[in-house]
Amino acid sequence: MTYLIITVAVLAITEVFTLTLLKRRNEDVRFYKSEAYKQTVFTEKARLNSQKWSAKHE
């Protein structure tokens, strides 16, 4: 009976841990698909390209 209780407890903890990781992953995926992320990436690329262009034309 003790082994059964320990097994159920370990499985429950594992499931909670797995669901927590999946929730975080889904939040990350939503962020990377969001407009805020796309705008941030676009702005950063535009800034880097501007710096490269400025360095070439000085």
N, C-alpha and C. Protein backbone atom coordinates (compact mmCIF):
# COMPACT_ATOMS: atom_id res chain seq x y z
N MET A 1 0.83 -1.19 0.00
CA MET A 1 0.00 0.00 0.00
C MET A 1 0.87 1.26 0.00
N THR A 2 1.99 1.19 0.73
CA THR A 2 2.88 2.35 0.79
C THR A 2 3.45 2.66 -0.59
N TYR A 3 3.81 1.61 -1.34
CA TYR A 3 4.34 1.82 -2.68
C TYR A 3 3.31 2.47 -3.59
N LEU A 4 2.07 2.09 -3.43
CA LEU A 4 1.00 2.67 -4.24
C LEU A 4 0.85 4.16 -3.93
N ILE A 5 0.86 4.53 -2.68
CA ILE A 5 0.74 5.93 -2.28
C ILE A 5 1.92 6.74 -2.82
N ILE A 6 3.10 6.19 -2.69
CA ILE A 6 4.30 6.89 -3.19
C ILE A 6 4.24 7.04 -4.70
N THR A 7 3.81 6.01 -5.39
CA THR A 7 3.70 6.07 -6.85
C THR A 7 2.69 7.11 -7.30
N VAL A 8 1.54 7.14 -6.66
CA VAL A 8 0.50 8.13 -7.00
C VAL A 8 1.01 9.54 -6.72
N ALA A 9 1.71 9.73 -5.62
CA ALA A 9 2.25 11.05 -5.29
C ALA A 9 3.28 11.50 -6.33
N VAL A 10 4.16 10.60 -6.71
CA VAL A 10 5.17 10.94 -7.72
C VAL A 10 4.51 11.26 -9.06
N LEU A 11 3.53 10.49 -9.45
CA LEU A 11 2.82 10.76 -10.70
C LEU A 11 2.09 12.10 -10.66
N ALA A 12 1.50 12.42 -9.54
CA ALA A 12 0.80 13.70 -9.41
C ALA A 12 1.78 14.86 -9.51
N ILE A 13 2.90 14.76 -8.84
CA ILE A 13 3.92 15.82 -8.90
C ILE A 13 4.45 15.95 -10.32
N THR A 14 4.69 14.83 -10.98
CA THR A 14 5.17 14.85 -12.36
C THR A 14 4.16 15.51 -13.29
N GLU A 15 2.90 15.21 -13.10
CA GLU A 15 1.87 15.81 -13.94
C GLU A 15 1.78 17.31 -13.73
N VAL A 16 1.83 17.75 -12.50
CA VAL A 16 1.80 19.19 -12.21
C VAL A 16 3.00 19.88 -12.86
N PHE A 17 4.17 19.28 -12.73
CA PHE A 17 5.38 19.83 -13.32
C PHE A 17 5.26 19.92 -14.84
N THR A 18 4.76 18.85 -15.46
CA THR A 18 4.60 18.82 -16.91
C THR A 18 3.60 19.87 -17.38
N LEU A 19 2.47 19.98 -16.70
CA LEU A 19 1.46 20.97 -17.09
C LEU A 19 1.99 22.39 -16.92
N THR A 20 2.81 22.62 -15.90
CA THR A 20 3.41 23.93 -15.70
C THR A 20 4.34 24.26 -16.85
N LEU A 21 5.14 23.30 -17.26
CA LEU A 21 6.06 23.53 -18.39
C LEU A 21 5.28 23.78 -19.68
N LEU A 22 4.22 23.03 -19.90
CA LEU A 22 3.42 23.22 -21.11
C LEU A 22 2.75 24.58 -21.12
N LYS A 23 2.29 25.04 -19.97
CA LYS A 23 1.66 26.36 -19.90
C LYS A 23 2.67 27.44 -20.24
N ARG A 24 3.88 27.32 -19.69
CA ARG A 24 4.92 28.31 -20.00
C ARG A 24 5.25 28.28 -21.48
N ARG A 25 5.33 27.08 -22.05
CA ARG A 25 5.65 26.97 -23.48
C ARG A 25 4.56 27.64 -24.32
N ASN A 26 3.31 27.43 -23.97
CA ASN A 26 2.21 28.05 -24.71
C ASN A 26 2.26 29.57 -24.59
N GLU A 27 2.61 30.07 -23.42
CA GLU A 27 2.73 31.52 -23.26
C GLU A 27 3.87 32.05 -24.12
N ASP A 28 4.98 31.31 -24.19
CA ASP A 28 6.11 31.73 -25.03
C ASP A 28 5.70 31.74 -26.50
N VAL A 29 4.98 30.71 -26.94
CA VAL A 29 4.56 30.64 -28.34
C VAL A 29 3.63 31.80 -28.66
N ARG A 30 2.71 32.10 -27.75
CA ARG A 30 1.80 33.23 -27.97
C ARG A 30 2.57 34.54 -28.08
N PHE A 31 3.60 34.70 -27.25
CA PHE A 31 4.39 35.93 -27.30
C PHE A 31 5.12 36.05 -28.63
N TYR A 32 5.75 34.96 -29.09
CA TYR A 32 6.52 35.02 -30.32
C TYR A 32 5.64 35.20 -31.56
N LYS A 33 4.35 34.91 -31.44
CA LYS A 33 3.43 35.14 -32.54
C LYS A 33 2.75 36.51 -32.44
N SER A 34 2.99 37.22 -31.36
CA SER A 34 2.28 38.47 -31.13
C SER A 34 2.85 39.62 -31.97
N GLU A 35 2.05 40.64 -32.12
CA GLU A 35 2.48 41.84 -32.85
C GLU A 35 3.59 42.57 -32.12
N ALA A 36 3.56 42.55 -30.80
CA ALA A 36 4.60 43.24 -30.02
C ALA A 36 5.97 42.65 -30.32
N TYR A 37 6.04 41.32 -30.40
CA TYR A 37 7.32 40.67 -30.70
C TYR A 37 7.76 41.00 -32.12
N LYS A 38 6.84 40.92 -33.08
CA LYS A 38 7.18 41.23 -34.46
C LYS A 38 7.68 42.66 -34.60
N GLN A 39 7.03 43.58 -33.91
CA GLN A 39 7.43 44.99 -33.95
C GLN A 39 8.81 45.17 -33.33
N THR A 40 9.07 44.48 -32.23
CA THR A 40 10.38 44.57 -31.58
C THR A 40 11.48 44.06 -32.50
N VAL A 41 11.25 42.93 -33.14
CA VAL A 41 12.24 42.36 -34.05
C VAL A 41 12.46 43.29 -35.24
N PHE A 42 11.39 43.81 -35.80
CA PHE A 42 11.49 44.72 -36.94
C PHE A 42 12.28 45.97 -36.55
N THR A 43 11.97 46.53 -35.40
CA THR A 43 12.65 47.74 -34.95
C THR A 43 14.14 47.47 -34.74
N GLU A 44 14.47 46.35 -34.14
CA GLU A 44 15.88 46.01 -33.90
C GLU A 44 16.63 45.80 -35.22
N LYS A 45 16.01 45.10 -36.16
CA LYS A 45 16.65 44.89 -37.46
C LYS A 45 16.83 46.21 -38.20
N ALA A 46 15.83 47.08 -38.13
CA ALA A 46 15.93 48.38 -38.78
C ALA A 46 17.06 49.21 -38.16
N ARG A 47 17.19 49.16 -36.85
CA ARG A 47 18.25 49.91 -36.17
C ARG A 47 19.63 49.39 -36.57
N LEU A 48 19.79 48.07 -36.61
CA LEU A 48 21.07 47.49 -37.01
C LEU A 48 21.41 47.80 -38.46
N ASN A 49 20.43 47.72 -39.33
CA ASN A 49 20.66 48.06 -40.74
C ASN A 49 21.03 49.52 -40.90
N SER A 50 20.40 50.38 -40.13
CA SER A 50 20.71 51.80 -40.17
C SER A 50 22.15 52.05 -39.72
N GLN A 51 22.57 51.37 -38.67
CA GLN A 51 23.95 51.52 -38.20
C GLN A 51 24.94 51.03 -39.25
N LYS A 52 24.67 49.90 -39.89
CA LYS A 52 25.54 49.38 -40.94
C LYS A 52 25.62 50.36 -42.11
N TRP A 53 24.49 50.89 -42.50
CA TRP A 53 24.45 51.83 -43.63
C TRP A 53 25.24 53.08 -43.28
N SER A 54 25.06 53.59 -42.07
CA SER A 54 25.78 54.78 -41.64
C SER A 54 27.28 54.55 -41.61
N ALA A 55 27.70 53.38 -41.17
CA ALA A 55 29.12 53.07 -41.11
C ALA A 55 29.72 52.99 -42.51
N LYS A 56 28.97 52.47 -43.47
CA LYS A 56 29.48 52.36 -44.84
C LYS A 56 29.58 53.72 -45.51
N HIS A 57 28.68 54.64 -45.19
CA HIS A 57 28.61 55.90 -45.89
C HIS A 57 29.24 57.07 -45.13
N GLU A 58 30.13 56.76 -44.23
CA GLU A 58 30.81 57.85 -43.51
C GLU A 58 32.12 58.16 -44.17
